[in-house]
Amino acid sequence: MPYDPPTHSVERSLRRAGAQVVAGLDEVGRGAWAGPVTVGAAVTGLRKAPEGLTDSKLLTERRRTALAPVLADWVTAYALGHASPEECDELGMTAALRLAALRALEALPVRPDAIILDGKHDYLGGPWRVRTVIKGDQSCICVSAASVLAKVQRDGLMAEIGVDLPAFGFEDNAGYPSPVHRAALEEFGPTEHHRLSWSYLDALPRWSHLKRGRSLPDQAEQLSLGF
């Protein structure tokens, strides 16, 4: 199914309202059982995007991997921020996303005047000027760039972790649910890279005693995680 290419439409509207530097933000790893949640931040200006740029989830692994270094050279600036599995457990996903986003923004060499955030929920908040855009990773060039860069780098990180944990298949599933991942959890239990407050442990009686409790997530978090 063909998709319309992303544009600078939202960025142009923010610029007309006075923003000179606009960054696109997108996350990856929100629904994973293992590994960090990662937020990518990209500043692209108003130049024409590299051919084929769109939401990372709509691209094949081969295409994403080939596009990422092109984007890294093309963007004005980009950075990634991570929140560890332990931080996801301790803080809950909404706060972990905000932490990862702040780390990405702090790592940028320029401070954005405005931010385009993928989705409908503003997990970043003040003092940042945020415009949320549903499916922004498909429609906004700077968010699409952040999406691809974050996805490829987090996938690479999970593949590196998986070298020492081959049974979990991290090189293929990147820490997300899969039959191979579930089978390894049943046999070996969670590793230091797993989130221990996630509900997957409820289905693993042998290891369910390791589950960590946390306070009830806010409504936005429950919706984003499918609770």
N, C-alpha and C. Protein backbone atom coordinates (compact mmCIF):
# COMPACT_ATOMS: atom_id res chain seq x y z
N MET A 1 0.84 -1.20 0.00
CA MET A 1 0.00 0.00 0.00
C MET A 1 0.87 1.25 0.00
N PRO A 2 0.70 2.13 -1.00
CA PRO A 2 1.54 3.33 -1.05
C PRO A 2 1.15 4.34 0.03
N TYR A 3 2.11 5.08 0.51
CA TYR A 3 1.87 6.11 1.51
C TYR A 3 2.35 7.45 0.98
N ASP A 4 1.63 8.52 1.37
CA ASP A 4 2.09 9.85 1.00
C ASP A 4 3.40 10.14 1.72
N PRO A 5 4.35 10.76 1.05
CA PRO A 5 5.63 11.07 1.71
C PRO A 5 5.43 12.14 2.77
N PRO A 6 6.28 12.15 3.78
CA PRO A 6 6.18 13.19 4.82
C PRO A 6 6.53 14.56 4.25
N THR A 7 6.07 15.60 4.93
CA THR A 7 6.28 16.97 4.47
C THR A 7 6.78 17.84 5.62
N HIS A 8 7.02 19.10 5.31
CA HIS A 8 7.40 20.09 6.32
C HIS A 8 6.20 20.94 6.75
N SER A 9 5.00 20.50 6.49
CA SER A 9 3.82 21.32 6.71
C SER A 9 3.70 21.80 8.16
N VAL A 10 3.81 20.88 9.11
CA VAL A 10 3.67 21.26 10.52
C VAL A 10 4.84 22.14 10.94
N GLU A 11 6.03 21.80 10.48
CA GLU A 11 7.19 22.62 10.83
C GLU A 11 7.04 24.04 10.29
N ARG A 12 6.52 24.17 9.09
CA ARG A 12 6.33 25.52 8.52
C ARG A 12 5.34 26.32 9.36
N SER A 13 4.29 25.67 9.87
CA SER A 13 3.31 26.39 10.68
C SER A 13 3.94 26.85 11.99
N LEU A 14 4.81 26.03 12.57
CA LEU A 14 5.51 26.43 13.79
C LEU A 14 6.49 27.56 13.52
N ARG A 15 7.12 27.53 12.38
CA ARG A 15 8.04 28.60 12.02
C ARG A 15 7.30 29.92 11.80
N ARG A 16 6.12 29.83 11.19
CA ARG A 16 5.33 31.04 11.00
C ARG A 16 4.92 31.65 12.34
N ALA A 17 4.81 30.79 13.36
CA ALA A 17 4.44 31.26 14.69
C ALA A 17 5.66 31.71 15.50
N GLY A 18 6.85 31.70 14.88
CA GLY A 18 8.02 32.26 15.54
C GLY A 18 9.14 31.29 15.88
N ALA A 19 8.93 30.00 15.72
CA ALA A 19 9.99 29.03 16.03
C ALA A 19 11.03 29.01 14.92
N GLN A 20 12.29 29.13 15.30
CA GLN A 20 13.36 29.08 14.32
C GLN A 20 13.95 27.68 14.19
N VAL A 21 14.05 26.96 15.30
CA VAL A 21 14.58 25.59 15.30
C VAL A 21 13.48 24.65 15.76
N VAL A 22 13.13 23.71 14.91
CA VAL A 22 12.08 22.74 15.21
C VAL A 22 12.68 21.35 15.19
N ALA A 23 12.42 20.58 16.23
CA ALA A 23 12.91 19.20 16.31
C ALA A 23 11.74 18.23 16.25
N GLY A 24 11.94 17.13 15.59
CA GLY A 24 10.97 16.04 15.59
C GLY A 24 11.40 14.97 16.57
N LEU A 25 10.46 14.44 17.35
CA LEU A 25 10.75 13.39 18.33
C LEU A 25 9.90 12.16 18.06
N ASP A 26 10.52 11.00 18.17
CA ASP A 26 9.79 9.74 18.09
C ASP A 26 10.45 8.72 18.99
N GLU A 27 9.63 7.79 19.50
CA GLU A 27 10.14 6.78 20.43
C GLU A 27 10.14 5.41 19.78
N VAL A 28 10.97 4.54 20.34
CA VAL A 28 10.98 3.13 19.96
C VAL A 28 11.29 2.32 21.21
N GLY A 29 10.64 1.17 21.32
CA GLY A 29 10.88 0.31 22.47
C GLY A 29 9.83 0.41 23.55
N ARG A 30 8.77 1.17 23.32
CA ARG A 30 7.75 1.35 24.35
C ARG A 30 7.12 0.01 24.77
N GLY A 31 6.81 -0.83 23.81
CA GLY A 31 6.12 -2.07 24.12
C GLY A 31 7.02 -3.29 24.26
N ALA A 32 8.33 -3.08 24.32
CA ALA A 32 9.26 -4.19 24.42
C ALA A 32 9.26 -4.78 25.83
N TRP A 33 9.65 -6.04 25.93
CA TRP A 33 9.83 -6.70 27.22
C TRP A 33 11.24 -6.46 27.77
N ALA A 34 12.16 -6.18 26.87
CA ALA A 34 13.57 -6.02 27.28
C ALA A 34 14.18 -4.84 26.55
N GLY A 35 15.24 -4.31 27.16
CA GLY A 35 15.96 -3.20 26.56
C GLY A 35 15.40 -1.85 26.96
N PRO A 36 16.08 -0.80 26.58
CA PRO A 36 15.65 0.56 26.94
C PRO A 36 14.47 1.01 26.10
N VAL A 37 13.81 2.05 26.55
CA VAL A 37 12.96 2.82 25.66
C VAL A 37 13.81 3.97 25.16
N THR A 38 13.74 4.22 23.86
CA THR A 38 14.63 5.17 23.21
C THR A 38 13.81 6.25 22.52
N VAL A 39 14.25 7.48 22.65
CA VAL A 39 13.63 8.59 21.94
C VAL A 39 14.67 9.23 21.04
N GLY A 40 14.32 9.39 19.77
CA GLY A 40 15.19 10.07 18.83
C GLY A 40 14.70 11.49 18.62
N ALA A 41 15.64 12.42 18.51
CA ALA A 41 15.33 13.82 18.22
C ALA A 41 16.10 14.22 16.97
N ALA A 42 15.42 14.83 16.01
CA ALA A 42 16.07 15.23 14.76
C ALA A 42 15.66 16.63 14.36
N VAL A 43 16.63 17.41 13.94
CA VAL A 43 16.41 18.74 13.37
C VAL A 43 16.81 18.67 11.91
N THR A 44 15.89 19.02 11.03
CA THR A 44 16.15 18.81 9.60
C THR A 44 16.13 20.08 8.77
N GLY A 45 15.65 21.19 9.32
CA GLY A 45 15.46 22.35 8.47
C GLY A 45 14.35 22.07 7.46
N LEU A 46 14.36 22.79 6.36
CA LEU A 46 13.28 22.66 5.36
C LEU A 46 13.78 22.10 4.04
N ARG A 47 14.89 21.39 4.08
CA ARG A 47 15.41 20.81 2.85
C ARG A 47 14.60 19.59 2.41
N LYS A 48 14.72 19.25 1.15
CA LYS A 48 14.04 18.08 0.61
C LYS A 48 14.59 16.82 1.27
N ALA A 49 13.69 15.94 1.68
CA ALA A 49 14.09 14.73 2.40
C ALA A 49 14.69 13.70 1.45
N PRO A 50 15.57 12.83 1.96
CA PRO A 50 16.06 11.72 1.14
C PRO A 50 14.92 10.86 0.63
N GLU A 51 15.08 10.33 -0.52
CA GLU A 51 14.04 9.51 -1.15
C GLU A 51 13.71 8.30 -0.28
N GLY A 52 12.42 8.04 -0.16
CA GLY A 52 11.96 6.86 0.57
C GLY A 52 11.76 7.06 2.06
N LEU A 53 12.00 8.27 2.58
CA LEU A 53 11.85 8.50 4.02
C LEU A 53 10.39 8.41 4.42
N THR A 54 10.12 7.64 5.47
CA THR A 54 8.79 7.53 6.07
C THR A 54 8.96 6.93 7.45
N ASP A 55 7.86 6.63 8.10
CA ASP A 55 7.88 5.96 9.40
C ASP A 55 8.73 4.70 9.32
N SER A 56 9.59 4.52 10.29
CA SER A 56 10.51 3.37 10.27
C SER A 56 9.77 2.04 10.22
N LYS A 57 8.58 1.98 10.80
CA LYS A 57 7.82 0.72 10.84
C LYS A 57 7.30 0.31 9.47
N LEU A 58 7.26 1.27 8.54
CA LEU A 58 6.78 0.98 7.19
C LEU A 58 7.91 0.58 6.24
N LEU A 59 9.13 0.62 6.74
CA LEU A 59 10.30 0.28 5.93
C LEU A 59 10.79 -1.11 6.30
N THR A 60 11.34 -1.82 5.31
CA THR A 60 11.99 -3.09 5.61
C THR A 60 13.26 -2.83 6.42
N GLU A 61 13.72 -3.86 7.10
CA GLU A 61 14.96 -3.71 7.87
C GLU A 61 16.11 -3.30 6.96
N ARG A 62 16.17 -3.89 5.79
CA ARG A 62 17.25 -3.56 4.86
C ARG A 62 17.19 -2.10 4.45
N ARG A 63 15.97 -1.60 4.16
CA ARG A 63 15.84 -0.21 3.73
C ARG A 63 16.14 0.74 4.87
N ARG A 64 15.66 0.42 6.09
CA ARG A 64 15.97 1.27 7.24
C ARG A 64 17.46 1.38 7.47
N THR A 65 18.13 0.22 7.41
CA THR A 65 19.56 0.17 7.69
C THR A 65 20.35 0.97 6.65
N ALA A 66 19.91 0.92 5.40
CA ALA A 66 20.59 1.68 4.35
C ALA A 66 20.30 3.17 4.47
N LEU A 67 19.10 3.53 4.93
CA LEU A 67 18.70 4.93 5.00
C LEU A 67 19.32 5.66 6.19
N ALA A 68 19.56 4.94 7.28
CA ALA A 68 20.01 5.59 8.51
C ALA A 68 21.30 6.40 8.34
N PRO A 69 22.36 5.86 7.72
CA PRO A 69 23.58 6.68 7.58
C PRO A 69 23.37 7.86 6.63
N VAL A 70 22.49 7.71 5.66
CA VAL A 70 22.16 8.84 4.79
C VAL A 70 21.52 9.95 5.60
N LEU A 71 20.58 9.57 6.46
CA LEU A 71 19.91 10.55 7.31
C LEU A 71 20.88 11.21 8.29
N ALA A 72 21.77 10.40 8.85
CA ALA A 72 22.73 10.94 9.83
C ALA A 72 23.58 12.05 9.21
N ASP A 73 23.90 11.92 7.92
CA ASP A 73 24.67 12.95 7.23
C ASP A 73 23.79 14.11 6.77
N TRP A 74 22.51 13.83 6.53
CA TRP A 74 21.61 14.82 5.94
C TRP A 74 21.00 15.77 6.97
N VAL A 75 20.65 15.27 8.15
CA VAL A 75 19.98 16.11 9.14
C VAL A 75 20.91 17.23 9.62
N THR A 76 20.29 18.31 10.09
CA THR A 76 21.06 19.38 10.71
C THR A 76 21.69 18.90 12.01
N ALA A 77 20.92 18.14 12.79
CA ALA A 77 21.39 17.59 14.06
C ALA A 77 20.45 16.48 14.48
N TYR A 78 20.99 15.51 15.21
CA TYR A 78 20.14 14.49 15.82
C TYR A 78 20.82 13.94 17.06
N ALA A 79 20.02 13.37 17.93
CA ALA A 79 20.54 12.74 19.14
C ALA A 79 19.52 11.72 19.63
N LEU A 80 20.00 10.78 20.41
CA LEU A 80 19.15 9.77 21.02
C LEU A 80 19.24 9.86 22.53
N GLY A 81 18.13 9.54 23.19
CA GLY A 81 18.10 9.42 24.64
C GLY A 81 17.48 8.10 25.02
N HIS A 82 17.99 7.49 26.07
CA HIS A 82 17.50 6.19 26.51
C HIS A 82 17.03 6.26 27.97
N ALA A 83 16.04 5.47 28.29
CA ALA A 83 15.69 5.18 29.68
C ALA A 83 15.82 3.68 29.85
N SER A 84 16.57 3.27 30.85
CA SER A 84 16.93 1.87 31.05
C SER A 84 15.72 1.04 31.47
N PRO A 85 15.82 -0.28 31.39
CA PRO A 85 14.75 -1.13 31.91
C PRO A 85 14.42 -0.84 33.37
N GLU A 86 15.46 -0.60 34.17
CA GLU A 86 15.24 -0.29 35.58
C GLU A 86 14.45 1.01 35.73
N GLU A 87 14.76 2.00 34.91
CA GLU A 87 14.04 3.27 34.97
C GLU A 87 12.61 3.11 34.49
N CYS A 88 12.39 2.26 33.49
CA CYS A 88 11.02 1.98 33.05
C CYS A 88 10.21 1.36 34.18
N ASP A 89 10.84 0.45 34.92
CA ASP A 89 10.16 -0.19 36.05
C ASP A 89 9.88 0.80 37.17
N GLU A 90 10.86 1.60 37.50
CA GLU A 90 10.75 2.51 38.65
C GLU A 90 9.81 3.68 38.38
N LEU A 91 9.84 4.20 37.15
CA LEU A 91 9.14 5.44 36.85
C LEU A 91 7.79 5.23 36.19
N GLY A 92 7.59 4.08 35.53
CA GLY A 92 6.45 3.94 34.65
C GLY A 92 6.80 4.49 33.28
N MET A 93 6.03 4.07 32.26
CA MET A 93 6.45 4.39 30.90
C MET A 93 6.33 5.86 30.55
N THR A 94 5.30 6.54 31.02
CA THR A 94 5.18 7.96 30.68
C THR A 94 6.38 8.75 31.16
N ALA A 95 6.77 8.55 32.42
CA ALA A 95 7.92 9.28 32.97
C ALA A 95 9.22 8.81 32.33
N ALA A 96 9.32 7.52 31.98
CA ALA A 96 10.53 7.02 31.33
C ALA A 96 10.68 7.63 29.94
N LEU A 97 9.57 7.77 29.23
CA LEU A 97 9.62 8.41 27.92
C LEU A 97 10.09 9.87 28.04
N ARG A 98 9.57 10.55 29.04
CA ARG A 98 9.98 11.94 29.24
C ARG A 98 11.47 12.03 29.55
N LEU A 99 11.96 11.11 30.39
CA LEU A 99 13.38 11.10 30.73
C LEU A 99 14.23 10.87 29.48
N ALA A 100 13.85 9.89 28.67
CA ALA A 100 14.60 9.60 27.45
C ALA A 100 14.55 10.78 26.49
N ALA A 101 13.38 11.43 26.38
CA ALA A 101 13.25 12.58 25.49
C ALA A 101 14.12 13.74 25.96
N LEU A 102 14.14 13.99 27.27
CA LEU A 102 14.97 15.07 27.80
C LEU A 102 16.44 14.79 27.54
N ARG A 103 16.85 13.54 27.67
CA ARG A 103 18.24 13.18 27.41
C ARG A 103 18.59 13.41 25.94
N ALA A 104 17.66 13.09 25.04
CA ALA A 104 17.90 13.33 23.62
C ALA A 104 18.00 14.82 23.33
N LEU A 105 17.09 15.60 23.88
CA LEU A 105 17.09 17.04 23.64
C LEU A 105 18.34 17.70 24.21
N GLU A 106 18.76 17.25 25.38
CA GLU A 106 19.97 17.81 25.99
C GLU A 106 21.22 17.48 25.19
N ALA A 107 21.17 16.37 24.45
CA ALA A 107 22.33 15.97 23.66
C ALA A 107 22.40 16.67 22.31
N LEU A 108 21.33 17.33 21.90
CA LEU A 108 21.37 18.08 20.64
C LEU A 108 22.33 19.26 20.76
N PRO A 109 23.04 19.59 19.71
CA PRO A 109 23.93 20.75 19.76
C PRO A 109 23.19 22.08 19.66
N VAL A 110 21.90 22.05 19.33
CA VAL A 110 21.07 23.25 19.29
C VAL A 110 19.83 23.00 20.13
N ARG A 111 19.31 24.07 20.74
CA ARG A 111 18.09 23.94 21.54
C ARG A 111 16.88 24.28 20.67
N PRO A 112 15.94 23.35 20.51
CA PRO A 112 14.77 23.64 19.69
C PRO A 112 13.87 24.69 20.34
N ASP A 113 13.26 25.50 19.48
CA ASP A 113 12.24 26.44 19.93
C ASP A 113 10.87 25.77 20.01
N ALA A 114 10.70 24.70 19.24
CA ALA A 114 9.44 23.96 19.23
C ALA A 114 9.73 22.51 18.88
N ILE A 115 8.81 21.63 19.28
CA ILE A 115 8.99 20.20 19.10
C ILE A 115 7.73 19.61 18.49
N ILE A 116 7.93 18.77 17.47
CA ILE A 116 6.84 17.98 16.92
C ILE A 116 6.98 16.57 17.49
N LEU A 117 5.97 16.15 18.24
CA LEU A 117 6.02 14.88 18.96
C LEU A 117 5.03 13.91 18.35
N ASP A 118 5.51 12.74 17.96
CA ASP A 118 4.64 11.74 17.37
C ASP A 118 3.60 11.26 18.38
N GLY A 119 2.35 11.15 17.95
CA GLY A 119 1.29 10.61 18.80
C GLY A 119 0.35 11.70 19.28
N LYS A 120 -0.57 11.31 20.16
CA LYS A 120 -1.55 12.27 20.67
C LYS A 120 -1.29 12.69 22.10
N HIS A 121 -0.34 12.04 22.76
CA HIS A 121 -0.08 12.32 24.17
C HIS A 121 1.24 13.06 24.33
N ASP A 122 1.20 14.21 24.95
CA ASP A 122 2.41 14.99 25.21
C ASP A 122 3.05 14.50 26.51
N TYR A 123 3.99 13.56 26.37
CA TYR A 123 4.68 13.05 27.55
C TYR A 123 5.86 13.93 27.95
N LEU A 124 6.16 14.95 27.14
CA LEU A 124 7.30 15.81 27.43
C LEU A 124 6.90 16.98 28.32
N GLY A 125 5.91 17.75 27.91
CA GLY A 125 5.42 18.83 28.74
C GLY A 125 6.37 20.01 28.83
N GLY A 126 6.00 20.98 29.70
CA GLY A 126 6.77 22.21 29.85
C GLY A 126 8.15 21.95 30.42
N PRO A 127 9.05 22.90 30.14
CA PRO A 127 8.82 24.19 29.49
C PRO A 127 8.86 24.14 27.97
N TRP A 128 8.87 22.94 27.42
CA TRP A 128 9.00 22.80 25.97
C TRP A 128 7.69 23.16 25.28
N ARG A 129 7.82 23.77 24.13
CA ARG A 129 6.67 24.06 23.26
C ARG A 129 6.47 22.85 22.35
N VAL A 130 5.38 22.12 22.57
CA VAL A 130 5.19 20.83 21.93
C VAL A 130 3.94 20.85 21.06
N ARG A 131 4.06 20.32 19.85
CA ARG A 131 2.91 20.07 18.98
C ARG A 131 2.84 18.55 18.77
N THR A 132 1.77 17.93 19.25
CA THR A 132 1.60 16.49 19.03
C THR A 132 0.91 16.28 17.69
N VAL A 133 1.35 15.25 16.97
CA VAL A 133 0.80 14.93 15.66
C VAL A 133 0.60 13.42 15.58
N ILE A 134 -0.65 13.00 15.48
CA ILE A 134 -0.93 11.57 15.31
C ILE A 134 -0.35 11.11 13.97
N LYS A 135 0.38 10.01 14.01
CA LYS A 135 1.10 9.49 12.85
C LYS A 135 2.08 10.52 12.30
N GLY A 136 2.65 11.29 13.21
CA GLY A 136 3.66 12.26 12.80
C GLY A 136 4.88 11.60 12.18
N ASP A 137 5.14 10.34 12.55
CA ASP A 137 6.28 9.64 11.96
C ASP A 137 6.05 9.32 10.49
N GLN A 138 4.80 9.40 10.02
CA GLN A 138 4.51 9.25 8.60
C GLN A 138 4.39 10.59 7.88
N SER A 139 3.92 11.61 8.58
CA SER A 139 3.54 12.86 7.91
C SER A 139 4.55 13.99 8.04
N CYS A 140 5.44 13.94 9.04
CA CYS A 140 6.38 15.04 9.30
C CYS A 140 7.81 14.58 9.04
N ILE A 141 8.52 15.29 8.20
CA ILE A 141 9.86 14.87 7.80
C ILE A 141 10.79 14.72 9.00
N CYS A 142 10.80 15.71 9.90
CA CYS A 142 11.75 15.63 11.02
C CYS A 142 11.41 14.48 11.96
N VAL A 143 10.12 14.16 12.11
CA VAL A 143 9.73 13.04 12.97
C VAL A 143 10.07 11.70 12.29
N SER A 144 9.85 11.63 10.98
CA SER A 144 10.24 10.42 10.24
C SER A 144 11.73 10.15 10.38
N ALA A 145 12.53 11.21 10.27
CA ALA A 145 13.99 11.04 10.40
C ALA A 145 14.34 10.54 11.79
N ALA A 146 13.72 11.12 12.82
CA ALA A 146 13.96 10.66 14.19
C ALA A 146 13.54 9.21 14.36
N SER A 147 12.43 8.83 13.73
CA SER A 147 11.93 7.47 13.82
C SER A 147 12.93 6.45 13.28
N VAL A 148 13.45 6.73 12.09
CA VAL A 148 14.39 5.79 11.47
C VAL A 148 15.69 5.71 12.26
N LEU A 149 16.24 6.86 12.63
CA LEU A 149 17.51 6.86 13.35
C LEU A 149 17.39 6.14 14.69
N ALA A 150 16.29 6.38 15.40
CA ALA A 150 16.11 5.73 16.71
C ALA A 150 15.91 4.23 16.55
N LYS A 151 15.10 3.83 15.58
CA LYS A 151 14.82 2.40 15.39
C LYS A 151 16.09 1.63 15.02
N VAL A 152 16.84 2.16 14.07
CA VAL A 152 18.04 1.43 13.63
C VAL A 152 19.07 1.34 14.75
N GLN A 153 19.27 2.42 15.49
CA GLN A 153 20.29 2.38 16.54
C GLN A 153 19.85 1.52 17.72
N ARG A 154 18.56 1.56 18.08
CA ARG A 154 18.12 0.69 19.18
C ARG A 154 18.17 -0.78 18.75
N ASP A 155 17.77 -1.08 17.53
CA ASP A 155 17.86 -2.45 17.04
C ASP A 155 19.30 -2.95 17.08
N GLY A 156 20.24 -2.08 16.70
CA GLY A 156 21.64 -2.46 16.76
C GLY A 156 22.10 -2.71 18.17
N LEU A 157 21.64 -1.88 19.11
CA LEU A 157 21.99 -2.08 20.51
C LEU A 157 21.47 -3.41 21.02
N MET A 158 20.22 -3.74 20.66
CA MET A 158 19.65 -5.01 21.13
C MET A 158 20.36 -6.21 20.50
N ALA A 159 20.79 -6.06 19.26
CA ALA A 159 21.56 -7.14 18.62
C ALA A 159 22.88 -7.36 19.34
N GLU A 160 23.53 -6.27 19.77
CA GLU A 160 24.77 -6.41 20.53
C GLU A 160 24.53 -7.11 21.87
N ILE A 161 23.46 -6.73 22.55
CA ILE A 161 23.11 -7.40 23.81
C ILE A 161 22.85 -8.87 23.56
N GLY A 162 22.22 -9.17 22.43
CA GLY A 162 21.85 -10.55 22.13
C GLY A 162 23.01 -11.47 21.83
N VAL A 163 24.19 -10.92 21.56
CA VAL A 163 25.36 -11.78 21.28
C VAL A 163 25.63 -12.70 22.46
N ASP A 164 25.47 -12.20 23.68
CA ASP A 164 25.71 -13.00 24.87
C ASP A 164 24.46 -13.72 25.36
N LEU A 165 23.34 -13.51 24.68
CA LEU A 165 22.07 -14.13 25.08
C LEU A 165 21.36 -14.68 23.84
N PRO A 166 22.00 -15.59 23.13
CA PRO A 166 21.46 -16.01 21.82
C PRO A 166 20.08 -16.65 21.89
N ALA A 167 19.73 -17.26 23.01
CA ALA A 167 18.44 -17.94 23.09
C ALA A 167 17.26 -16.98 23.00
N PHE A 168 17.48 -15.71 23.32
CA PHE A 168 16.37 -14.75 23.36
C PHE A 168 16.06 -14.12 22.01
N GLY A 169 16.94 -14.29 21.04
CA GLY A 169 16.65 -13.80 19.69
C GLY A 169 16.57 -12.29 19.57
N PHE A 170 17.32 -11.57 20.39
CA PHE A 170 17.23 -10.11 20.37
C PHE A 170 17.62 -9.52 19.02
N GLU A 171 18.47 -10.23 18.27
CA GLU A 171 18.87 -9.69 16.97
C GLU A 171 17.70 -9.64 15.99
N ASP A 172 16.67 -10.44 16.26
CA ASP A 172 15.48 -10.46 15.40
C ASP A 172 14.30 -9.73 16.02
N ASN A 173 14.10 -9.88 17.34
CA ASN A 173 12.90 -9.30 17.96
C ASN A 173 13.15 -7.99 18.70
N ALA A 174 14.42 -7.60 18.86
CA ALA A 174 14.79 -6.32 19.50
C ALA A 174 14.17 -6.17 20.89
N GLY A 175 13.92 -7.29 21.56
CA GLY A 175 13.36 -7.23 22.91
C GLY A 175 11.85 -7.23 22.96
N TYR A 176 11.19 -7.22 21.81
CA TYR A 176 9.73 -7.25 21.76
C TYR A 176 9.23 -8.69 21.92
N PRO A 177 7.94 -8.86 22.20
CA PRO A 177 7.37 -10.21 22.31
C PRO A 177 7.54 -10.99 21.01
N SER A 178 7.92 -12.25 21.14
CA SER A 178 7.99 -13.18 20.02
C SER A 178 8.00 -14.59 20.60
N PRO A 179 7.65 -15.60 19.82
CA PRO A 179 7.69 -16.97 20.34
C PRO A 179 9.06 -17.38 20.86
N VAL A 180 10.13 -16.99 20.16
CA VAL A 180 11.48 -17.32 20.61
C VAL A 180 11.78 -16.64 21.94
N HIS A 181 11.42 -15.38 22.04
CA HIS A 181 11.66 -14.63 23.27
C HIS A 181 10.90 -15.25 24.44
N ARG A 182 9.63 -15.59 24.21
CA ARG A 182 8.82 -16.18 25.28
C ARG A 182 9.39 -17.53 25.72
N ALA A 183 9.80 -18.35 24.76
CA ALA A 183 10.35 -19.67 25.09
C ALA A 183 11.62 -19.53 25.94
N ALA A 184 12.48 -18.57 25.60
CA ALA A 184 13.70 -18.35 26.37
C ALA A 184 13.38 -17.86 27.77
N LEU A 185 12.39 -17.01 27.90
CA LEU A 185 11.98 -16.55 29.22
C LEU A 185 11.46 -17.70 30.07
N GLU A 186 10.68 -18.57 29.48
CA GLU A 186 10.15 -19.71 30.23
C GLU A 186 11.27 -20.61 30.74
N GLU A 187 12.32 -20.77 29.91
CA GLU A 187 13.40 -21.68 30.30
C GLU A 187 14.43 -21.03 31.22
N PHE A 188 14.81 -19.79 30.91
CA PHE A 188 15.92 -19.16 31.61
C PHE A 188 15.51 -18.04 32.56
N GLY A 189 14.30 -17.53 32.40
CA GLY A 189 13.87 -16.41 33.22
C GLY A 189 14.39 -15.09 32.68
N PRO A 190 13.93 -13.98 33.25
CA PRO A 190 14.35 -12.66 32.77
C PRO A 190 15.81 -12.37 33.09
N THR A 191 16.41 -11.56 32.26
CA THR A 191 17.80 -11.16 32.42
C THR A 191 17.86 -9.75 33.00
N GLU A 192 19.06 -9.24 33.16
CA GLU A 192 19.24 -7.87 33.64
C GLU A 192 18.71 -6.84 32.66
N HIS A 193 18.44 -7.26 31.44
CA HIS A 193 17.96 -6.35 30.41
C HIS A 193 16.43 -6.32 30.32
N HIS A 194 15.75 -7.12 31.15
CA HIS A 194 14.30 -7.20 31.07
C HIS A 194 13.62 -6.22 32.02
N ARG A 195 12.43 -5.80 31.62
CA ARG A 195 11.58 -4.95 32.46
C ARG A 195 10.76 -5.87 33.36
N LEU A 196 10.92 -5.70 34.64
CA LEU A 196 10.34 -6.65 35.60
C LEU A 196 8.98 -6.22 36.13
N SER A 197 8.46 -5.10 35.67
CA SER A 197 7.11 -4.72 36.07
C SER A 197 6.09 -5.01 34.97
N TRP A 198 6.54 -5.59 33.86
CA TRP A 198 5.67 -5.86 32.73
C TRP A 198 4.82 -7.10 32.98
N SER A 199 3.66 -7.15 32.37
CA SER A 199 2.69 -8.21 32.65
C SER A 199 3.08 -9.57 32.06
N TYR A 200 4.10 -9.63 31.19
CA TYR A 200 4.48 -10.93 30.63
C TYR A 200 4.88 -11.90 31.73
N LEU A 201 5.37 -11.38 32.86
CA LEU A 201 5.78 -12.27 33.95
C LEU A 201 4.60 -12.99 34.60
N ASP A 202 3.40 -12.43 34.45
CA ASP A 202 2.22 -13.09 35.01
C ASP A 202 1.95 -14.43 34.35
N ALA A 203 2.40 -14.57 33.09
CA ALA A 203 2.18 -15.80 32.35
C ALA A 203 3.35 -16.78 32.48
N LEU A 204 4.29 -16.47 33.36
CA LEU A 204 5.46 -17.32 33.58
C LEU A 204 5.52 -17.70 35.05
N PRO A 205 4.71 -18.68 35.49
CA PRO A 205 4.63 -19.00 36.92
C PRO A 205 5.97 -19.27 37.58
N ARG A 206 6.89 -19.85 36.85
CA ARG A 206 8.19 -20.19 37.42
C ARG A 206 8.97 -18.94 37.83
N TRP A 207 8.68 -17.82 37.15
CA TRP A 207 9.46 -16.60 37.36
C TRP A 207 8.62 -15.42 37.85
N SER A 208 7.33 -15.66 38.05
CA SER A 208 6.44 -14.54 38.39
C SER A 208 6.79 -13.89 39.73
N HIS A 209 7.52 -14.62 40.59
CA HIS A 209 7.92 -14.02 41.87
C HIS A 209 8.91 -12.86 41.69
N LEU A 210 9.49 -12.76 40.50
CA LEU A 210 10.45 -11.70 40.24
C LEU A 210 9.78 -10.39 39.82
N LYS A 211 8.48 -10.46 39.58
CA LYS A 211 7.79 -9.26 39.10
C LYS A 211 7.84 -8.14 40.13
N ARG A 212 8.12 -6.95 39.63
CA ARG A 212 8.19 -5.77 40.48
C ARG A 212 6.87 -5.02 40.40
N GLY A 213 6.41 -4.58 41.55
CA GLY A 213 5.20 -3.78 41.57
C GLY A 213 5.54 -2.31 41.34
N ARG A 214 4.55 -1.57 40.91
CA ARG A 214 4.69 -0.13 40.78
C ARG A 214 3.32 0.48 40.91
N SER A 215 3.27 1.77 41.10
CA SER A 215 1.99 2.44 41.24
C SER A 215 1.21 2.39 39.94
N LEU A 216 -0.12 2.49 40.04
CA LEU A 216 -0.97 2.42 38.86
C LEU A 216 -0.59 3.51 37.88
N PRO A 217 -0.34 3.18 36.61
CA PRO A 217 0.02 4.20 35.65
C PRO A 217 -1.15 5.13 35.38
N ASP A 218 -0.82 6.34 34.92
CA ASP A 218 -1.88 7.27 34.61
C ASP A 218 -2.66 6.81 33.39
N GLN A 219 -3.78 7.46 33.11
CA GLN A 219 -4.66 7.00 32.05
C GLN A 219 -3.96 7.00 30.70
N ALA A 220 -3.18 8.04 30.43
CA ALA A 220 -2.50 8.10 29.14
C ALA A 220 -1.56 6.93 28.96
N GLU A 221 -0.88 6.54 30.05
CA GLU A 221 0.05 5.42 29.96
C GLU A 221 -0.69 4.13 29.73
N GLN A 222 -1.81 3.93 30.44
CA GLN A 222 -2.58 2.72 30.26
C GLN A 222 -3.04 2.57 28.81
N LEU A 223 -3.49 3.67 28.22
CA LEU A 223 -3.94 3.62 26.84
C LEU A 223 -2.79 3.31 25.89
N SER A 224 -1.63 3.93 26.12
CA SER A 224 -0.50 3.76 25.22
C SER A 224 0.07 2.36 25.27
N LEU A 225 -0.09 1.68 26.40
CA LEU A 225 0.44 0.33 26.52
C LEU A 225 -0.62 -0.74 26.28
N GLY A 226 -1.84 -0.33 26.01
CA GLY A 226 -2.89 -1.30 25.72
C GLY A 226 -3.46 -1.95 26.94
N PHE A 227 -3.36 -1.34 28.14
CA PHE A 227 -3.92 -1.93 29.35
C PHE A 227 -5.44 -1.76 29.35
